Amino acid sequence: MTLLKSFIVALSLAFSLGIMSTAAIAAGPPTAASTTKSINAVLAHTDEAIKAIDADAGPNEVRAHIKMALRECKEITGAEAMEKRRLKFSRLFKKARTEVKNGFAEQAREHLVEAKEKFESLKKYI
């Protein structure tokens, strides 16, 4: 009886692990199209933040665009080289957000322009 219980527990465990790994495989790896879409979304939000700074919009509006760019930034996935650069480049958004918070819009604009250039360069890793 103990042998039968052990067999049933082992079988159910193996079956449940098989189901989980199948679900993970079904999600699949990120595609080049989804990565390109995410990069373009980051660039669009960066452009909007730059336009907001140029139009002397309030800091809350600029920070909202930076926040959305950071969210989209997290959706960029790919090779390890791309991941490292994405993490490094996202720091520019954090610096820009801090500059906006402290009232230094021009420095924030410089960080955003640099971030835009850097995220454009990520397209070559797709």
C-alpha atoms as a PDB file:
ATOM      1  CA  MET A   1       0.000   0.000   0.000  1.00  0.00           C
ATOM      2  CA  THR A   2       2.854   2.385   0.842  1.00  0.00           C
ATOM      3  CA  LEU A   3       4.465   1.612  -2.496  1.00  0.00           C
ATOM      4  CA  LEU A   4       1.205   2.384  -4.305  1.00  0.00           C
ATOM      5  CA  LYS A   5       0.828   5.738  -2.470  1.00  0.00           C
ATOM      6  CA  SER A   6       4.416   6.700  -3.303  1.00  0.00           C
ATOM      7  CA  PHE A   7       3.836   5.802  -6.933  1.00  0.00           C
ATOM      8  CA  ILE A   8       0.651   7.894  -7.131  1.00  0.00           C
ATOM      9  CA  VAL A   9       2.310  10.901  -5.480  1.00  0.00           C
ATOM     10  CA  ALA A  10       5.327  10.663  -7.792  1.00  0.00           C
ATOM     11  CA  LEU A  11       3.083  10.292 -10.853  1.00  0.00           C
ATOM     12  CA  SER A  12       0.916  13.276  -9.910  1.00  0.00           C
ATOM     13  CA  LEU A  13       4.000  15.395  -9.216  1.00  0.00           C
ATOM     14  CA  ALA A  14       5.517  14.501 -12.576  1.00  0.00           C
ATOM     15  CA  PHE A  15       2.215  15.232 -14.307  1.00  0.00           C
ATOM     16  CA  SER A  16       1.804  18.635 -12.654  1.00  0.00           C
ATOM     17  CA  LEU A  17       5.383  19.652 -13.493  1.00  0.00           C
ATOM     18  CA  GLY A  18       4.767  18.596 -17.071  1.00  0.00           C
ATOM     19  CA  ILE A  19       1.715  20.826 -17.278  1.00  0.00           C
ATOM     20  CA  MET A  20       3.607  23.841 -15.921  1.00  0.00           C
ATOM     21  CA  SER A  21       6.487  23.483 -18.334  1.00  0.00           C
ATOM     22  CA  THR A  22       4.064  23.131 -21.240  1.00  0.00           C
ATOM     23  CA  ALA A  23       2.430  26.420 -20.243  1.00  0.00           C
ATOM     24  CA  ALA A  24       5.808  28.102 -20.084  1.00  0.00           C
ATOM     25  CA  ILE A  25       6.707  26.823 -23.521  1.00  0.00           C
ATOM     26  CA  ALA A  26       3.344  27.928 -24.912  1.00  0.00           C
ATOM     27  CA  ALA A  27       4.143  31.538 -24.009  1.00  0.00           C
ATOM     28  CA  GLY A  28       7.211  31.251 -26.204  1.00  0.00           C
ATOM     29  CA  PRO A  29      10.254  33.440 -26.498  1.00  0.00           C
ATOM     30  CA  PRO A  30       9.882  37.107 -27.358  1.00  0.00           C
ATOM     31  CA  THR A  31       9.769  37.828 -31.055  1.00  0.00           C
ATOM     32  CA  ALA A  32      11.662  40.479 -32.944  1.00  0.00           C
ATOM     33  CA  ALA A  33       8.377  42.210 -33.737  1.00  0.00           C
ATOM     34  CA  SER A  34       7.387  42.532 -30.086  1.00  0.00           C
ATOM     35  CA  THR A  35      10.839  43.799 -29.158  1.00  0.00           C
ATOM     36  CA  THR A  36      10.771  46.352 -31.977  1.00  0.00           C
ATOM     37  CA  LYS A  37       7.300  47.440 -30.896  1.00  0.00           C
ATOM     38  CA  SER A  38       8.519  47.957 -27.323  1.00  0.00           C
ATOM     39  CA  ILE A  39      11.551  49.942 -28.453  1.00  0.00           C
ATOM     40  CA  ASN A  40       9.339  52.137 -30.625  1.00  0.00           C
ATOM     41  CA  ALA A  41       6.994  52.715 -27.678  1.00  0.00           C
ATOM     42  CA  VAL A  42       9.937  53.784 -25.500  1.00  0.00           C
ATOM     43  CA  LEU A  43      11.089  56.164 -28.222  1.00  0.00           C
ATOM     44  CA  ALA A  44       7.589  57.607 -28.590  1.00  0.00           C
ATOM     45  CA  HIS A  45       7.277  58.296 -24.863  1.00  0.00           C
ATOM     46  CA  THR A  46      10.758  59.798 -24.845  1.00  0.00           C
ATOM     47  CA  ASP A  47       9.779  62.120 -27.694  1.00  0.00           C
ATOM     48  CA  GLU A  48       6.635  63.133 -25.814  1.00  0.00           C
ATOM     49  CA  ALA A  49       8.659  63.900 -22.690  1.00  0.00           C
ATOM     50  CA  ILE A  50      11.094  66.021 -24.709  1.00  0.00           C
ATOM     51  CA  LYS A  51       8.187  67.876 -26.340  1.00  0.00           C
ATOM     52  CA  ALA A  52       6.641  68.458 -22.926  1.00  0.00           C
ATOM     53  CA  ILE A  53       9.907  69.951 -21.653  1.00  0.00           C
ATOM     54  CA  ASP A  54      10.185  72.162 -24.749  1.00  0.00           C
ATOM     55  CA  ALA A  55       6.593  73.345 -24.250  1.00  0.00           C
ATOM     56  CA  ASP A  56       7.299  74.203 -20.606  1.00  0.00           C
ATOM     57  CA  ALA A  57       4.723  71.684 -19.428  1.00  0.00           C
ATOM     58  CA  GLY A  58       4.452  70.888 -15.756  1.00  0.00           C
ATOM     59  CA  PRO A  59       6.825  68.449 -14.136  1.00  0.00           C
ATOM     60  CA  ASN A  60       4.013  65.968 -13.533  1.00  0.00           C
ATOM     61  CA  GLU A  61       3.339  65.633 -17.254  1.00  0.00           C
ATOM     62  CA  VAL A  62       7.017  65.121 -18.049  1.00  0.00           C
ATOM     63  CA  ARG A  63       7.406  62.585 -15.249  1.00  0.00           C
ATOM     64  CA  ALA A  64       4.328  60.720 -16.502  1.00  0.00           C
ATOM     65  CA  HIS A  65       5.936  60.255 -19.924  1.00  0.00           C
ATOM     66  CA  ILE A  66       9.206  59.179 -18.345  1.00  0.00           C
ATOM     67  CA  LYS A  67       7.317  56.692 -16.177  1.00  0.00           C
ATOM     68  CA  MET A  68       5.575  55.228 -19.227  1.00  0.00           C
ATOM     69  CA  ALA A  69       8.915  54.973 -21.040  1.00  0.00           C
ATOM     70  CA  LEU A  70      10.355  53.070 -18.077  1.00  0.00           C
ATOM     71  CA  ARG A  71       7.372  50.693 -18.103  1.00  0.00           C
ATOM     72  CA  GLU A  72       7.770  50.025 -21.800  1.00  0.00           C
ATOM     73  CA  CYS A  73      11.500  49.623 -21.285  1.00  0.00           C
ATOM     74  CA  LYS A  74      10.837  46.587 -19.125  1.00  0.00           C
ATOM     75  CA  GLU A  75       9.064  44.922 -22.055  1.00  0.00           C
ATOM     76  CA  ILE A  76      12.210  44.945 -24.175  1.00  0.00           C
ATOM     77  CA  THR A  77      13.643  41.456 -24.089  1.00  0.00           C
ATOM     78  CA  GLY A  78      16.192  39.703 -26.185  1.00  0.00           C
ATOM     79  CA  ALA A  79      19.778  38.566 -26.157  1.00  0.00           C
ATOM     80  CA  GLU A  80      21.923  39.026 -23.094  1.00  0.00           C
ATOM     81  CA  ALA A  81      23.800  41.902 -24.720  1.00  0.00           C
ATOM     82  CA  MET A  82      20.513  43.686 -25.310  1.00  0.00           C
ATOM     83  CA  GLU A  83      19.363  43.087 -21.731  1.00  0.00           C
ATOM     84  CA  LYS A  84      22.557  44.558 -20.293  1.00  0.00           C
ATOM     85  CA  ARG A  85      22.341  47.631 -22.446  1.00  0.00           C
ATOM     86  CA  ARG A  86      18.631  48.085 -21.734  1.00  0.00           C
ATOM     87  CA  LEU A  87      19.311  48.100 -18.002  1.00  0.00           C
ATOM     88  CA  LYS A  88      22.177  50.531 -18.432  1.00  0.00           C
ATOM     89  CA  PHE A  89      20.171  52.846 -20.686  1.00  0.00           C
ATOM     90  CA  SER A  90      17.118  52.835 -18.415  1.00  0.00           C
ATOM     91  CA  ARG A  91      19.245  54.600 -15.812  1.00  0.00           C
ATOM     92  CA  LEU A  92      19.123  57.662 -18.049  1.00  0.00           C
ATOM     93  CA  PHE A  93      15.346  57.798 -17.560  1.00  0.00           C
ATOM     94  CA  LYS A  94      15.809  57.598 -13.822  1.00  0.00           C
ATOM     95  CA  LYS A  95      18.335  60.428 -13.933  1.00  0.00           C
ATOM     96  CA  ALA A  96      15.953  62.505 -16.054  1.00  0.00           C
ATOM     97  CA  ARG A  97      13.100  61.838 -13.647  1.00  0.00           C
ATOM     98  CA  THR A  98      15.263  63.033 -10.745  1.00  0.00           C
ATOM     99  CA  GLU A  99      16.291  66.160 -12.644  1.00  0.00           C
ATOM    100  CA  VAL A 100      12.644  66.989 -13.414  1.00  0.00           C
ATOM    101  CA  LYS A 101      11.735  66.449  -9.786  1.00  0.00           C
ATOM    102  CA  ASN A 102      14.476  68.854  -8.702  1.00  0.00           C
ATOM    103  CA  GLY A 103      13.428  71.453 -11.296  1.00  0.00           C
ATOM    104  CA  PHE A 104      16.305  71.085 -13.743  1.00  0.00           C
ATOM    105  CA  ALA A 105      14.388  70.585 -16.985  1.00  0.00           C
ATOM    106  CA  GLU A 106      17.310  71.286 -19.317  1.00  0.00           C
ATOM    107  CA  GLN A 107      19.489  68.579 -17.739  1.00  0.00           C
ATOM    108  CA  ALA A 108      16.532  66.202 -17.896  1.00  0.00           C
ATOM    109  CA  ARG A 109      16.142  66.996 -21.585  1.00  0.00           C
ATOM    110  CA  GLU A 110      19.809  66.139 -22.170  1.00  0.00           C
ATOM    111  CA  HIS A 111      19.355  62.774 -20.429  1.00  0.00           C
ATOM    112  CA  LEU A 112      16.249  62.071 -22.502  1.00  0.00           C
ATOM    113  CA  VAL A 113      17.987  62.915 -25.773  1.00  0.00           C
ATOM    114  CA  GLU A 114      20.844  60.619 -24.818  1.00  0.00           C
ATOM    115  CA  ALA A 115      18.382  57.869 -23.840  1.00  0.00           C
ATOM    116  CA  LYS A 116      16.637  58.208 -27.191  1.00  0.00           C
ATOM    117  CA  GLU A 117      19.926  57.756 -29.046  1.00  0.00           C
ATOM    118  CA  LYS A 118      20.856  54.765 -26.913  1.00  0.00           C
ATOM    119  CA  PHE A 119      17.508  53.021 -27.360  1.00  0.00           C
ATOM    120  CA  GLU A 120      17.705  53.622 -31.120  1.00  0.00           C
ATOM    121  CA  SER A 121      20.990  51.715 -31.043  1.00  0.00           C
ATOM    122  CA  LEU A 122      19.263  48.701 -29.461  1.00  0.00           C
ATOM    123  CA  LYS A 123      17.535  47.967 -32.763  1.00  0.00           C
ATOM    124  CA  LYS A 124      20.755  46.526 -34.165  1.00  0.00           C
ATOM    125  CA  TYR A 125      20.635  43.728 -31.564  1.00  0.00           C
ATOM    126  CA  ILE A 126      17.280  42.403 -32.781  1.00  0.00           C
END
